[in-house]
Protein backbone atom coordinates (compact mmCIF):
# COMPACT_ATOMS: atom_id res chain seq x y z
CA MET A 1 47.45 122.78 15.85
CA THR A 2 46.21 125.96 14.15
CA SER A 3 49.02 126.71 11.88
CA PHE A 4 50.89 125.75 8.71
CA GLU A 5 52.56 122.99 10.89
CA LEU A 6 49.53 120.81 10.28
CA ASP A 7 49.99 118.39 7.29
CA GLY A 8 47.72 118.86 4.12
CA ALA A 9 45.21 116.18 4.82
CA ALA A 10 44.86 117.33 8.58
CA ALA A 11 44.46 120.97 7.38
CA LEU A 12 41.75 120.17 4.84
CA GLU A 13 39.76 118.35 7.53
CA GLN A 14 40.23 121.13 10.13
CA TYR A 15 39.47 124.09 8.08
CA ALA A 16 36.90 122.64 5.70
CA PRO A 17 35.50 119.56 6.93
CA ALA A 18 32.22 119.62 5.00
CA ALA A 19 34.21 120.16 1.67
CA ALA A 20 36.67 117.35 2.88
CA ALA A 21 33.75 115.02 3.19
CA ALA A 22 31.99 115.86 0.17
CA PHE A 23 34.94 115.49 -2.05
CA ARG A 24 35.63 111.94 -0.46
CA ARG A 25 32.18 111.08 -1.84
CA VAL A 26 32.94 112.04 -5.05
CA GLN A 27 36.41 110.14 -5.06
CA GLU A 28 34.66 106.85 -3.86
CA VAL A 29 32.04 106.46 -6.63
CA ARG A 30 31.86 105.74 -10.30
CA PRO A 31 29.02 105.74 -12.85
CA SER A 32 27.17 102.40 -12.74
CA GLY A 33 27.54 100.42 -15.82
CA LEU A 34 30.74 102.07 -17.14
CA TYR A 35 33.57 99.73 -17.77
CA ASP A 36 37.32 100.00 -17.79
CA GLU A 37 37.58 99.11 -21.46
CA VAL A 38 35.88 102.61 -22.17
CA LEU A 39 38.15 104.42 -19.80
CA GLU A 40 41.00 102.73 -21.25
CA SER A 41 40.30 103.27 -25.01
CA PRO A 42 43.06 105.30 -26.87
CA ALA A 43 40.54 108.12 -27.61
CA VAL A 44 39.87 108.53 -23.97
CA VAL A 45 43.53 108.32 -22.86
CA ALA A 46 44.36 110.98 -25.40
CA PHE A 47 41.65 113.17 -24.37
CA VAL A 48 42.60 112.97 -20.65
CA ASP A 49 46.19 113.66 -21.29
CA GLN A 50 45.29 117.03 -23.10
CA PHE A 51 42.61 117.80 -20.38
CA ARG A 52 45.40 117.51 -17.62
CA VAL A 53 48.15 119.30 -19.62
CA ASP A 54 45.92 122.45 -20.72
CA VAL A 55 42.43 121.94 -21.25
CA SER A 56 41.98 124.86 -23.60
CA GLN A 57 44.11 123.12 -26.37
CA VAL A 58 41.47 120.11 -26.66
CA ASP A 59 40.60 120.37 -30.20
CA GLU A 60 37.74 118.95 -32.22
CA ARG A 61 39.83 115.73 -33.18
CA LEU A 62 40.26 114.84 -29.55
CA ARG A 63 36.75 116.14 -28.60
CA SER A 64 35.17 113.92 -31.40
CA GLY A 65 37.31 110.81 -30.62
CA PHE A 66 36.07 111.14 -26.91
CA ALA A 67 32.59 111.47 -27.81
CA ASP A 68 32.90 108.47 -30.30
CA ALA A 69 34.51 106.31 -27.63
CA THR A 70 32.04 107.08 -24.81
CA GLY A 71 28.61 107.52 -26.61
CA LYS A 72 25.85 108.15 -24.16
CA ARG A 73 28.19 107.95 -21.35
CA LEU A 74 30.28 111.28 -22.55
CA PHE A 75 29.32 113.32 -19.47
CA ASP A 76 29.67 110.55 -16.94
CA VAL A 77 33.11 109.85 -18.30
CA ALA A 78 34.16 113.54 -18.33
CA GLN A 79 33.14 113.75 -14.61
CA MET A 80 35.65 110.97 -13.98
CA VAL A 81 38.37 112.77 -15.80
CA TRP A 82 37.84 115.91 -13.93
CA VAL A 83 37.88 113.97 -10.59
CA SER A 84 41.22 112.23 -11.49
CA ASP A 85 42.73 115.48 -12.47
CA VAL A 86 41.80 117.57 -9.41
CA SER A 87 42.52 115.10 -6.91
CA PRO A 88 46.28 115.03 -7.02
CA ARG A 89 46.46 118.77 -7.48
CA LEU A 90 44.23 119.09 -4.35
CA GLU A 91 46.66 116.82 -2.27
CA ALA A 92 49.83 118.24 -3.66
CA ALA A 93 48.88 121.77 -3.17
CA LEU A 94 47.81 121.26 0.52
CA ASP A 95 50.93 119.29 1.17
CA ALA A 96 53.22 121.88 -0.34
CA VAL A 97 51.44 124.82 1.51
CA PHE A 98 51.21 122.75 4.82
CA ALA A 99 53.29 119.72 5.50
CA PRO A 100 53.41 116.28 3.48
CA SER A 101 50.35 113.86 4.39
CA ALA A 102 49.71 110.17 4.35
CA TRP A 103 46.55 110.61 2.29
CA PRO A 104 44.04 107.62 2.68
CA ALA A 105 43.76 105.42 -0.26
CA VAL A 106 40.59 105.66 -2.25
CA PRO A 107 38.67 102.57 -1.66
CA ARG A 108 37.23 100.60 -4.58
CA ARG A 109 34.86 103.11 -6.17
CA MET A 110 31.22 102.24 -5.78
CA PRO A 111 28.81 102.49 -8.66
CA VAL A 112 26.16 104.90 -8.57
CA ALA A 113 23.52 106.45 -10.94
CA ASP A 114 24.40 109.92 -10.76
CA ILE A 115 27.79 111.23 -9.90
CA TRP A 116 26.93 114.89 -10.92
CA SER A 117 24.73 115.20 -7.78
CA LEU A 118 27.74 114.58 -5.76
CA VAL A 119 29.89 116.78 -7.68
CA GLU A 120 27.43 119.67 -7.18
CA SER A 121 27.41 118.97 -3.46
CA PHE A 122 31.07 119.40 -3.11
CA LEU A 123 30.95 122.62 -5.37
CA ALA A 124 28.38 124.14 -2.93
CA SER A 125 30.29 123.17 0.09
CA VAL A 126 33.13 125.01 -1.12
CA ALA A 127 31.07 128.06 -2.23
CA LEU A 128 29.99 128.27 1.42
CA LEU A 129 33.55 128.82 2.60
CA ASP A 130 34.10 132.55 3.62
CA ARG A 131 37.38 133.08 5.22
CA VAL A 132 38.41 134.78 2.12
CA ASP A 133 37.31 138.02 1.10
CA PRO A 134 34.89 138.05 -1.90
CA THR A 135 37.10 140.03 -4.25
CA THR A 136 39.99 137.54 -3.95
CA THR A 137 37.66 134.66 -4.37
CA GLU A 138 36.28 136.44 -7.56
CA LEU A 139 39.92 137.09 -8.70
CA VAL A 140 40.78 133.35 -8.06
CA ARG A 141 37.79 132.20 -10.10
CA LEU A 142 38.55 134.78 -13.01
CA ARG A 143 42.29 133.70 -13.10
CA GLY A 144 41.11 130.11 -13.50
CA ALA A 145 38.69 131.08 -16.05
CA ARG A 146 41.39 132.71 -18.17
CA GLN A 147 44.04 129.95 -17.64
CA HIS A 148 41.29 127.09 -18.80
CA ALA A 149 39.79 129.73 -21.53
CA CYS A 150 36.37 129.04 -20.22
CA ARG A 151 34.20 131.65 -22.12
CA LEU A 152 31.26 131.18 -19.89
CA CYS A 153 33.07 131.63 -16.47
CA ALA A 154 35.05 134.75 -18.12
CA SER A 155 31.66 136.28 -18.99
CA ARG A 156 30.43 136.28 -15.13
CA ARG A 157 31.21 138.42 -12.41
CA SER A 158 30.34 138.13 -8.53
CA VAL A 159 27.92 140.70 -7.14
CA ALA A 160 29.58 139.98 -3.73
CA ALA A 161 33.00 141.25 -5.25
CA ILE A 162 31.24 144.18 -6.88
CA ASP A 163 29.57 145.01 -3.76
CA ALA A 164 32.92 144.76 -1.82
CA GLY A 165 34.38 147.55 -4.20
CA ALA A 166 35.78 145.54 -7.15
CA ASP A 167 35.35 147.13 -10.45
CA ASP A 168 36.38 146.50 -14.17
CA VAL A 169 40.07 147.67 -13.39
CA THR A 170 40.13 145.13 -10.41
CA PHE A 171 38.89 142.40 -12.64
CA GLU A 172 41.17 143.05 -15.50
CA ALA A 173 44.14 143.03 -12.97
CA VAL A 174 44.18 139.18 -12.93
CA ASP A 175 45.96 139.33 -16.24
CA HIS A 176 48.91 141.06 -14.80
CA TYR A 177 48.34 140.56 -11.17
CA GLU A 178 52.03 140.63 -10.51
CA SER A 179 52.59 143.98 -11.36
CA SER A 180 49.20 145.33 -10.35
CA ASP A 181 48.21 147.12 -7.23
CA LEU A 182 46.04 144.31 -6.06
CA SER A 183 46.40 143.37 -2.31
CA PRO A 184 49.32 141.14 -1.08
CA VAL A 185 46.46 138.51 -0.20
CA ALA A 186 45.09 138.59 -3.58
CA LYS A 187 48.58 138.42 -5.17
CA ALA A 188 49.54 135.65 -3.03
CA ALA A 189 46.24 133.73 -3.74
CA LEU A 190 46.48 134.21 -7.56
CA ALA A 191 50.17 132.81 -7.55
CA LEU A 192 49.01 129.89 -5.88
CA THR A 193 46.16 129.45 -8.33
CA ASP A 194 48.48 129.67 -11.22
CA ALA A 195 50.67 127.02 -9.46
CA ILE A 196 47.95 124.59 -9.00
CA ILE A 197 47.02 124.78 -12.66
CA TRP A 198 50.30 124.58 -14.05
CA THR A 199 52.80 123.15 -11.74
CA PRO A 200 50.86 121.41 -9.12
CA LEU A 201 53.50 118.77 -8.28
CA ALA A 202 56.16 121.68 -8.14
CA ILE A 203 54.87 124.62 -6.47
CA PRO A 204 57.41 127.28 -6.19
CA GLU A 205 58.95 127.86 -2.68
CA SER A 206 58.47 131.54 -3.18
CA VAL A 207 54.67 130.96 -3.65
CA VAL A 208 54.35 128.77 -0.48
CA ALA A 209 56.27 131.68 1.36
CA ASP A 210 53.92 134.36 0.12
CA VAL A 211 50.95 132.48 0.80
CA ARG A 212 52.08 131.68 4.56
CA ARG A 213 52.89 135.16 4.89
CA GLU A 214 49.64 136.82 3.45
CA LEU A 215 46.88 134.00 4.26
CA THR A 216 45.84 132.19 7.21
CA PRO A 217 45.70 128.53 7.33
CA ALA A 218 41.90 128.63 6.83
CA GLN A 219 42.16 130.94 3.98
CA ALA A 220 45.03 128.86 2.19
CA VAL A 221 42.74 125.91 2.29
CA GLU A 222 39.88 127.72 0.84
CA VAL A 223 41.96 128.96 -2.04
CA VAL A 224 43.03 125.54 -2.76
CA LEU A 225 39.50 124.38 -2.73
CA ASP A 226 38.37 127.27 -4.89
CA VAL A 227 40.82 126.28 -7.47
CA VAL A 228 39.57 122.84 -7.43
CA ARG A 229 35.93 123.89 -7.52
CA ASN A 230 36.47 126.52 -10.28
CA ALA A 231 38.34 123.73 -12.41
CA ALA A 232 34.89 122.14 -12.86
CA ASN A 233 34.87 124.39 -15.88
CA LYS A 234 37.35 122.05 -17.45
CA ILE A 235 34.61 119.77 -18.11
CA ALA A 236 32.55 122.25 -20.30
CA VAL A 237 35.69 123.47 -21.94
CA GLY A 238 36.87 120.06 -22.77
CA LEU A 239 33.59 119.05 -24.21
CA GLY A 240 33.26 122.51 -26.06
CA SER A 241 30.18 123.30 -24.09
CA ASP A 242 31.38 126.55 -22.50
CA ALA A 243 29.71 129.23 -24.78
CA ALA A 244 29.15 132.29 -22.91
CA ALA A 245 25.20 133.28 -22.53
CA VAL A 246 26.00 137.03 -23.36
CA THR A 247 27.56 138.43 -26.34
CA GLU A 248 28.22 141.88 -24.88
CA GLY A 249 28.83 142.86 -21.20
CA VAL A 250 28.78 140.40 -18.40
CA GLU A 251 26.32 138.32 -16.42
CA LEU A 252 26.13 138.82 -12.69
CA PHE A 253 25.80 135.99 -10.37
CA VAL A 254 25.00 135.59 -6.56
CA THR A 255 25.77 132.72 -4.25
CA GLU A 256 22.75 131.47 -2.41
CA PRO A 257 22.56 130.27 1.02
CA ASP A 258 22.96 126.67 0.01
CA GLY A 259 26.15 127.38 -2.16
CA THR A 260 24.56 127.12 -5.55
CA LEU A 261 24.92 130.11 -7.93
CA THR A 262 22.23 132.05 -9.47
CA VAL A 263 22.49 134.43 -12.42
CA VAL A 264 20.56 137.81 -11.87
């Protein structure tokens, strides 16, 4: 099959096999030496609840409680919070756009010394997908930055999008994309972005219809993965480490051949 008749899990495997494998690896591990007592502590649970609903509203009280409860494992736990947050979003979005799946159960997570290297491998694998045009990809990234209130992400712009003709007017349109003159493809992608962020378990039928009309199946999978990848900024926002590197203007970045990003 090469259409939206595939189920979500099959679509992910067909159109983004490397990203699918990289994400499974992230789902199948946990930081070594980290015990459930830490993950289930009231301060961690409170942080997780707000992280999932609206990370921009994580305040200093929640952040401090999370830091006290996790100690030196703060970043390790934050990564696990991110994985637990984006996994159901990815599955629900793909099942809505395609057909419902019987997603394989995640096995008992194996302890590893370093989860972040696996997360980075996943992020890079998504960055290498190129079925969606550079401008739409950048608009999806910026929309996520705005919704999550990530100051660092909002301060950066993609050289590839600029080279493709995007300018300040294009980038600012993410705040009012519905009434803008952005392309139908971009509007469909941005509506899906919003739905994954705010109503992942109840993506409107109108959003799905627009995605199926304006995007190819491969592009739809890529947009879902882009939203998940971009949502890694929730870790920085949640921990309060998302400050922009510039106080005026923006930073430009390029995607390297290995999928990593370099500020230029």
